[in-house]
Amino acid sequence: MKRLARFLAYAVAVVVVLVALLFVASESGEVVVLTSVDESGEFHETRVWIVDIEDGTYLRAGTAESAWLERVLARPQVTLERSGERREVRLVVAHAMTATVNAHMAYKYGVADMVVGAFIPRDNALALRVVGP
């Protein structure tokens, strides 16, 4: 019984460490705050990474099933806070740019991107271009 308790304690400790590692990695580097609105009019803040590429600024949804992505697809007008500045923008799906955005995210965020990618594979990632209102 003591072995089982010890094993469970270790397992819980490993999970806690992995979740903490994921959180620390996801908050590394430049993180912007995206405020989206759901169907009931409630506001939701999501912290995401951002990259500037020659032709524009992009965000990346890690999976097509993420709640914030569903809200943005339904209502693409959002508020983006970057470096303390808030502005209204529209997010546009940019399927063709996903590989490029993944590469720029990997370069910009380095090890943090590798850590997050270990938990959230890039297979279903989706690039979103930030455009003016």
N, C-alpha and C. Protein backbone atom coordinates (compact mmCIF):
# COMPACT_ATOMS: atom_id res chain seq x y z
N MET A 1 0.82 -1.19 0.00
CA MET A 1 0.00 0.00 0.00
C MET A 1 0.87 1.27 0.00
N LYS A 2 1.98 1.22 0.75
CA LYS A 2 2.88 2.37 0.77
C LYS A 2 3.49 2.60 -0.60
N ARG A 3 3.79 1.52 -1.31
CA ARG A 3 4.35 1.67 -2.66
C ARG A 3 3.37 2.36 -3.59
N LEU A 4 2.11 1.96 -3.50
CA LEU A 4 1.09 2.58 -4.34
C LEU A 4 0.95 4.06 -4.01
N ALA A 5 0.92 4.39 -2.75
CA ALA A 5 0.81 5.78 -2.33
C ALA A 5 2.01 6.58 -2.81
N ARG A 6 3.20 6.02 -2.70
CA ARG A 6 4.41 6.69 -3.15
C ARG A 6 4.38 6.89 -4.67
N PHE A 7 3.96 5.84 -5.39
CA PHE A 7 3.85 5.93 -6.84
C PHE A 7 2.87 7.02 -7.25
N LEU A 8 1.71 7.06 -6.60
CA LEU A 8 0.71 8.09 -6.91
C LEU A 8 1.25 9.49 -6.59
N ALA A 9 1.98 9.61 -5.50
CA ALA A 9 2.56 10.91 -5.14
C ALA A 9 3.56 11.35 -6.21
N TYR A 10 4.39 10.43 -6.67
CA TYR A 10 5.35 10.76 -7.73
C TYR A 10 4.63 11.12 -9.03
N ALA A 11 3.61 10.36 -9.34
CA ALA A 11 2.86 10.63 -10.57
C ALA A 11 2.22 12.02 -10.52
N VAL A 12 1.64 12.36 -9.40
CA VAL A 12 1.03 13.69 -9.25
C VAL A 12 2.11 14.76 -9.33
N ALA A 13 3.25 14.53 -8.72
CA ALA A 13 4.34 15.50 -8.77
C ALA A 13 4.83 15.71 -10.20
N VAL A 14 4.93 14.64 -10.97
CA VAL A 14 5.36 14.75 -12.37
C VAL A 14 4.35 15.56 -13.16
N VAL A 15 3.08 15.29 -12.96
CA VAL A 15 2.03 16.04 -13.68
C VAL A 15 2.10 17.52 -13.31
N VAL A 16 2.27 17.82 -12.04
CA VAL A 16 2.35 19.22 -11.60
C VAL A 16 3.56 19.91 -12.23
N VAL A 17 4.69 19.23 -12.27
CA VAL A 17 5.89 19.81 -12.87
C VAL A 17 5.68 20.04 -14.37
N LEU A 18 5.06 19.08 -15.06
CA LEU A 18 4.82 19.24 -16.50
C LEU A 18 3.87 20.39 -16.78
N VAL A 19 2.81 20.52 -15.99
CA VAL A 19 1.87 21.63 -16.18
C VAL A 19 2.57 22.96 -15.90
N ALA A 20 3.40 23.01 -14.86
CA ALA A 20 4.14 24.24 -14.56
C ALA A 20 5.11 24.58 -15.68
N LEU A 21 5.78 23.56 -16.22
CA LEU A 21 6.70 23.78 -17.33
C LEU A 21 5.96 24.33 -18.55
N LEU A 22 4.80 23.76 -18.84
CA LEU A 22 4.00 24.25 -19.97
C LEU A 22 3.57 25.69 -19.74
N PHE A 23 3.14 26.02 -18.54
CA PHE A 23 2.72 27.39 -18.24
C PHE A 23 3.88 28.36 -18.39
N VAL A 24 5.01 28.03 -17.81
CA VAL A 24 6.18 28.92 -17.89
C VAL A 24 6.59 29.11 -19.35
N ALA A 25 6.62 28.02 -20.11
CA ALA A 25 7.00 28.11 -21.52
C ALA A 25 6.02 28.97 -22.29
N SER A 26 4.73 28.78 -22.05
CA SER A 26 3.73 29.53 -22.83
C SER A 26 3.73 31.01 -22.50
N GLU A 27 4.26 31.39 -21.35
CA GLU A 27 4.33 32.79 -20.96
C GLU A 27 5.69 33.42 -21.27
N SER A 28 6.55 32.67 -21.95
CA SER A 28 7.88 33.17 -22.29
C SER A 28 7.82 34.03 -23.53
N GLY A 29 8.68 35.03 -23.59
CA GLY A 29 8.72 35.89 -24.76
C GLY A 29 7.54 36.84 -24.81
N GLU A 30 7.29 37.37 -25.99
CA GLU A 30 6.20 38.33 -26.16
C GLU A 30 4.86 37.61 -26.16
N VAL A 31 4.00 38.00 -25.24
CA VAL A 31 2.66 37.44 -25.13
C VAL A 31 1.68 38.60 -25.25
N VAL A 32 0.69 38.46 -26.13
CA VAL A 32 -0.33 39.49 -26.30
C VAL A 32 -1.64 38.99 -25.71
N VAL A 33 -2.54 39.92 -25.43
CA VAL A 33 -3.85 39.55 -24.89
C VAL A 33 -4.90 39.80 -25.96
N LEU A 34 -5.61 38.76 -26.27
CA LEU A 34 -6.67 38.80 -27.27
C LEU A 34 -7.99 38.75 -26.52
N THR A 35 -8.86 39.73 -26.75
CA THR A 35 -10.18 39.72 -26.13
C THR A 35 -11.22 39.44 -27.20
N SER A 36 -11.89 38.30 -27.03
CA SER A 36 -12.93 37.88 -27.98
C SER A 36 -14.27 37.85 -27.26
N VAL A 37 -15.34 37.72 -28.03
CA VAL A 37 -16.68 37.73 -27.48
C VAL A 37 -17.39 36.45 -27.88
N ASP A 38 -18.08 35.82 -26.93
CA ASP A 38 -18.83 34.61 -27.26
C ASP A 38 -20.25 34.95 -27.69
N GLU A 39 -21.03 33.92 -27.99
CA GLU A 39 -22.38 34.13 -28.52
C GLU A 39 -23.32 34.82 -27.54
N SER A 40 -23.02 34.75 -26.24
CA SER A 40 -23.87 35.43 -25.25
C SER A 40 -23.40 36.85 -24.96
N GLY A 41 -22.34 37.29 -25.63
CA GLY A 41 -21.83 38.64 -25.43
C GLY A 41 -20.78 38.75 -24.33
N GLU A 42 -20.38 37.61 -23.76
CA GLU A 42 -19.38 37.61 -22.69
C GLU A 42 -17.98 37.75 -23.30
N PHE A 43 -17.14 38.55 -22.65
CA PHE A 43 -15.78 38.77 -23.11
C PHE A 43 -14.84 37.70 -22.52
N HIS A 44 -13.88 37.29 -23.33
CA HIS A 44 -12.89 36.29 -22.91
C HIS A 44 -11.50 36.77 -23.29
N GLU A 45 -10.59 36.74 -22.35
CA GLU A 45 -9.20 37.11 -22.64
C GLU A 45 -8.37 35.85 -22.83
N THR A 46 -7.55 35.86 -23.86
CA THR A 46 -6.67 34.74 -24.16
C THR A 46 -5.27 35.29 -24.40
N ARG A 47 -4.30 34.67 -23.79
CA ARG A 47 -2.91 35.09 -23.96
C ARG A 47 -2.30 34.22 -25.04
N VAL A 48 -1.75 34.85 -26.08
CA VAL A 48 -1.20 34.12 -27.22
C VAL A 48 0.11 34.76 -27.67
N TRP A 49 0.86 33.99 -28.43
CA TRP A 49 2.09 34.49 -29.04
C TRP A 49 1.77 35.19 -30.34
N ILE A 50 2.70 36.02 -30.77
CA ILE A 50 2.49 36.82 -31.97
C ILE A 50 3.82 36.93 -32.73
N VAL A 51 3.74 36.95 -34.05
CA VAL A 51 4.94 37.15 -34.86
C VAL A 51 4.66 38.16 -35.96
N ASP A 52 5.69 38.92 -36.28
CA ASP A 52 5.63 39.86 -37.39
C ASP A 52 6.45 39.25 -38.53
N ILE A 53 5.81 39.10 -39.67
CA ILE A 53 6.45 38.56 -40.86
C ILE A 53 6.40 39.65 -41.92
N GLU A 54 7.19 39.53 -42.94
CA GLU A 54 7.29 40.56 -43.97
C GLU A 54 5.93 41.10 -44.42
N ASP A 55 4.95 40.22 -44.58
CA ASP A 55 3.66 40.65 -45.13
C ASP A 55 2.60 40.93 -44.07
N GLY A 56 2.94 40.84 -42.78
CA GLY A 56 1.93 41.14 -41.78
C GLY A 56 2.23 40.54 -40.42
N THR A 57 1.24 40.63 -39.55
CA THR A 57 1.32 40.13 -38.18
C THR A 57 0.39 38.95 -38.04
N TYR A 58 0.86 37.92 -37.32
CA TYR A 58 0.11 36.67 -37.23
C TYR A 58 0.07 36.13 -35.80
N LEU A 59 -1.03 35.45 -35.51
CA LEU A 59 -1.19 34.65 -34.31
C LEU A 59 -1.29 33.20 -34.77
N ARG A 60 -1.23 32.28 -33.81
CA ARG A 60 -1.38 30.87 -34.16
C ARG A 60 -2.27 30.20 -33.13
N ALA A 61 -3.28 29.50 -33.62
CA ALA A 61 -4.09 28.65 -32.75
C ALA A 61 -3.45 27.28 -32.78
N GLY A 62 -3.19 26.72 -31.62
CA GLY A 62 -2.52 25.43 -31.55
C GLY A 62 -3.33 24.28 -32.11
N THR A 63 -4.65 24.36 -31.94
CA THR A 63 -5.53 23.32 -32.47
C THR A 63 -6.79 23.96 -33.03
N ALA A 64 -7.39 23.28 -33.96
CA ALA A 64 -8.62 23.79 -34.56
C ALA A 64 -9.79 23.73 -33.59
N GLU A 65 -9.63 23.01 -32.49
CA GLU A 65 -10.72 22.84 -31.52
C GLU A 65 -10.63 23.79 -30.34
N SER A 66 -9.71 24.73 -30.34
CA SER A 66 -9.58 25.61 -29.18
C SER A 66 -10.78 26.55 -29.06
N ALA A 67 -11.18 26.80 -27.82
CA ALA A 67 -12.36 27.63 -27.56
C ALA A 67 -12.17 29.04 -28.09
N TRP A 68 -10.97 29.62 -27.92
CA TRP A 68 -10.78 30.99 -28.38
C TRP A 68 -10.85 31.06 -29.90
N LEU A 69 -10.37 30.02 -30.58
CA LEU A 69 -10.44 30.01 -32.04
C LEU A 69 -11.90 29.92 -32.50
N GLU A 70 -12.69 29.10 -31.84
CA GLU A 70 -14.11 29.00 -32.19
C GLU A 70 -14.80 30.36 -32.05
N ARG A 71 -14.48 31.09 -30.97
CA ARG A 71 -15.07 32.42 -30.79
C ARG A 71 -14.63 33.37 -31.90
N VAL A 72 -13.34 33.33 -32.25
CA VAL A 72 -12.81 34.23 -33.28
C VAL A 72 -13.38 33.89 -34.65
N LEU A 73 -13.55 32.63 -34.95
CA LEU A 73 -14.14 32.26 -36.24
C LEU A 73 -15.58 32.75 -36.35
N ALA A 74 -16.29 32.74 -35.23
CA ALA A 74 -17.69 33.21 -35.22
C ALA A 74 -17.77 34.73 -35.25
N ARG A 75 -16.81 35.38 -34.56
CA ARG A 75 -16.79 36.84 -34.47
C ARG A 75 -15.33 37.31 -34.58
N PRO A 76 -14.87 37.55 -35.80
CA PRO A 76 -13.44 37.86 -36.02
C PRO A 76 -12.99 39.23 -35.54
N GLN A 77 -13.92 40.12 -35.17
CA GLN A 77 -13.54 41.43 -34.62
C GLN A 77 -13.15 41.21 -33.17
N VAL A 78 -11.91 41.51 -32.82
CA VAL A 78 -11.40 41.30 -31.47
C VAL A 78 -10.59 42.51 -31.04
N THR A 79 -10.23 42.52 -29.77
CA THR A 79 -9.32 43.53 -29.25
C THR A 79 -7.98 42.85 -29.00
N LEU A 80 -6.92 43.48 -29.45
CA LEU A 80 -5.58 42.93 -29.28
C LEU A 80 -4.77 43.93 -28.46
N GLU A 81 -4.22 43.46 -27.35
CA GLU A 81 -3.36 44.30 -26.51
C GLU A 81 -1.92 43.83 -26.68
N ARG A 82 -1.10 44.75 -27.16
CA ARG A 82 0.32 44.45 -27.41
C ARG A 82 1.15 45.61 -26.89
N SER A 83 2.10 45.32 -26.05
CA SER A 83 2.98 46.35 -25.47
C SER A 83 2.18 47.47 -24.81
N GLY A 84 1.11 47.10 -24.13
CA GLY A 84 0.29 48.08 -23.42
C GLY A 84 -0.69 48.85 -24.28
N GLU A 85 -0.67 48.63 -25.59
CA GLU A 85 -1.57 49.34 -26.51
C GLU A 85 -2.70 48.40 -26.94
N ARG A 86 -3.93 48.87 -26.77
CA ARG A 86 -5.11 48.07 -27.17
C ARG A 86 -5.67 48.63 -28.46
N ARG A 87 -5.99 47.74 -29.40
CA ARG A 87 -6.61 48.19 -30.64
C ARG A 87 -7.57 47.13 -31.16
N GLU A 88 -8.59 47.61 -31.84
CA GLU A 88 -9.57 46.72 -32.45
C GLU A 88 -8.99 46.20 -33.77
N VAL A 89 -9.04 44.90 -33.96
CA VAL A 89 -8.54 44.29 -35.19
C VAL A 89 -9.50 43.20 -35.63
N ARG A 90 -9.23 42.69 -36.80
CA ARG A 90 -9.99 41.55 -37.32
C ARG A 90 -8.97 40.45 -37.59
N LEU A 91 -9.33 39.21 -37.23
CA LEU A 91 -8.44 38.08 -37.48
C LEU A 91 -8.98 37.29 -38.67
N VAL A 92 -8.08 36.98 -39.59
CA VAL A 92 -8.45 36.28 -40.82
C VAL A 92 -7.63 34.99 -40.89
N VAL A 93 -8.31 33.89 -41.12
CA VAL A 93 -7.62 32.60 -41.26
C VAL A 93 -6.67 32.67 -42.45
N ALA A 94 -5.45 32.18 -42.24
CA ALA A 94 -4.42 32.21 -43.28
C ALA A 94 -3.80 30.82 -43.41
N HIS A 95 -4.59 29.89 -43.93
CA HIS A 95 -4.13 28.49 -44.05
C HIS A 95 -2.76 28.40 -44.71
N ALA A 96 -2.58 29.11 -45.79
CA ALA A 96 -1.35 29.01 -46.57
C ALA A 96 -0.13 29.50 -45.81
N MET A 97 -0.34 30.27 -44.75
CA MET A 97 0.79 30.83 -43.99
C MET A 97 1.14 30.01 -42.75
N THR A 98 0.40 28.94 -42.47
CA THR A 98 0.61 28.21 -41.22
C THR A 98 2.05 27.70 -41.07
N ALA A 99 2.61 27.09 -42.09
CA ALA A 99 3.98 26.58 -41.98
C ALA A 99 4.98 27.71 -41.75
N THR A 100 4.78 28.83 -42.43
CA THR A 100 5.66 29.98 -42.27
C THR A 100 5.53 30.55 -40.86
N VAL A 101 4.31 30.67 -40.37
CA VAL A 101 4.08 31.18 -39.01
C VAL A 101 4.70 30.22 -37.99
N ASN A 102 4.54 28.92 -38.20
CA ASN A 102 5.16 27.95 -37.29
C ASN A 102 6.67 28.15 -37.24
N ALA A 103 7.28 28.34 -38.40
CA ALA A 103 8.73 28.53 -38.46
C ALA A 103 9.15 29.81 -37.75
N HIS A 104 8.41 30.89 -37.95
CA HIS A 104 8.74 32.16 -37.29
C HIS A 104 8.52 32.06 -35.77
N MET A 105 7.48 31.35 -35.36
CA MET A 105 7.24 31.16 -33.93
C MET A 105 8.38 30.35 -33.32
N ALA A 106 8.82 29.31 -34.02
CA ALA A 106 9.92 28.49 -33.52
C ALA A 106 11.18 29.32 -33.36
N TYR A 107 11.44 30.19 -34.32
CA TYR A 107 12.63 31.05 -34.26
C TYR A 107 12.51 32.06 -33.12
N LYS A 108 11.36 32.73 -33.05
CA LYS A 108 11.18 33.80 -32.06
C LYS A 108 11.13 33.27 -30.63
N TYR A 109 10.42 32.16 -30.41
CA TYR A 109 10.19 31.68 -29.06
C TYR A 109 11.11 30.53 -28.65
N GLY A 110 11.87 29.99 -29.60
CA GLY A 110 12.91 29.02 -29.31
C GLY A 110 12.48 27.81 -28.49
N VAL A 111 13.17 27.60 -27.38
CA VAL A 111 12.92 26.44 -26.54
C VAL A 111 11.48 26.43 -26.03
N ALA A 112 10.94 27.58 -25.72
CA ALA A 112 9.56 27.66 -25.24
C ALA A 112 8.61 27.07 -26.29
N ASP A 113 8.84 27.36 -27.57
CA ASP A 113 8.01 26.81 -28.63
C ASP A 113 8.16 25.30 -28.71
N MET A 114 9.37 24.81 -28.50
CA MET A 114 9.58 23.36 -28.51
C MET A 114 8.84 22.70 -27.35
N VAL A 115 8.88 23.30 -26.17
CA VAL A 115 8.19 22.74 -25.00
C VAL A 115 6.69 22.71 -25.23
N VAL A 116 6.13 23.84 -25.65
CA VAL A 116 4.68 23.90 -25.90
C VAL A 116 4.31 22.92 -27.01
N GLY A 117 5.14 22.84 -28.06
CA GLY A 117 4.89 21.92 -29.16
C GLY A 117 4.88 20.47 -28.74
N ALA A 118 5.61 20.13 -27.67
CA ALA A 118 5.60 18.77 -27.16
C ALA A 118 4.25 18.42 -26.56
N PHE A 119 3.55 19.42 -26.03
CA PHE A 119 2.24 19.20 -25.43
C PHE A 119 1.11 19.44 -26.42
N ILE A 120 1.32 20.39 -27.31
CA ILE A 120 0.29 20.75 -28.30
C ILE A 120 0.94 20.65 -29.68
N PRO A 121 0.83 19.49 -30.32
CA PRO A 121 1.47 19.31 -31.63
C PRO A 121 0.99 20.35 -32.65
N ARG A 122 1.82 20.64 -33.60
CA ARG A 122 1.53 21.66 -34.61
C ARG A 122 0.74 21.10 -35.80
N ASP A 123 0.40 19.83 -35.77
CA ASP A 123 -0.31 19.19 -36.89
C ASP A 123 -1.60 19.92 -37.27
N ASN A 124 -2.32 20.41 -36.26
CA ASN A 124 -3.59 21.08 -36.51
C ASN A 124 -3.52 22.58 -36.25
N ALA A 125 -2.32 23.12 -36.21
CA ALA A 125 -2.17 24.56 -35.96
C ALA A 125 -2.82 25.36 -37.10
N LEU A 126 -3.19 26.57 -36.78
CA LEU A 126 -3.84 27.42 -37.76
C LEU A 126 -3.34 28.85 -37.60
N ALA A 127 -2.83 29.43 -38.67
CA ALA A 127 -2.35 30.81 -38.64
C ALA A 127 -3.52 31.76 -38.82
N LEU A 128 -3.46 32.87 -38.10
CA LEU A 128 -4.47 33.93 -38.20
C LEU A 128 -3.75 35.24 -38.44
N ARG A 129 -4.12 35.90 -39.52
CA ARG A 129 -3.52 37.20 -39.83
C ARG A 129 -4.27 38.30 -39.11
N VAL A 130 -3.52 39.23 -38.54
CA VAL A 130 -4.10 40.38 -37.85
C VAL A 130 -4.24 41.49 -38.89
N VAL A 131 -5.47 41.97 -39.10
CA VAL A 131 -5.70 43.06 -40.03
C VAL A 131 -6.43 44.18 -39.32
N GLY A 132 -6.36 45.37 -39.87
CA GLY A 132 -7.02 46.52 -39.26
C GLY A 132 -8.52 46.32 -39.14
N PRO A 133 -9.15 47.24 -38.48
CA PRO A 133 -10.60 47.12 -38.24
C PRO A 133 -11.37 47.11 -39.50
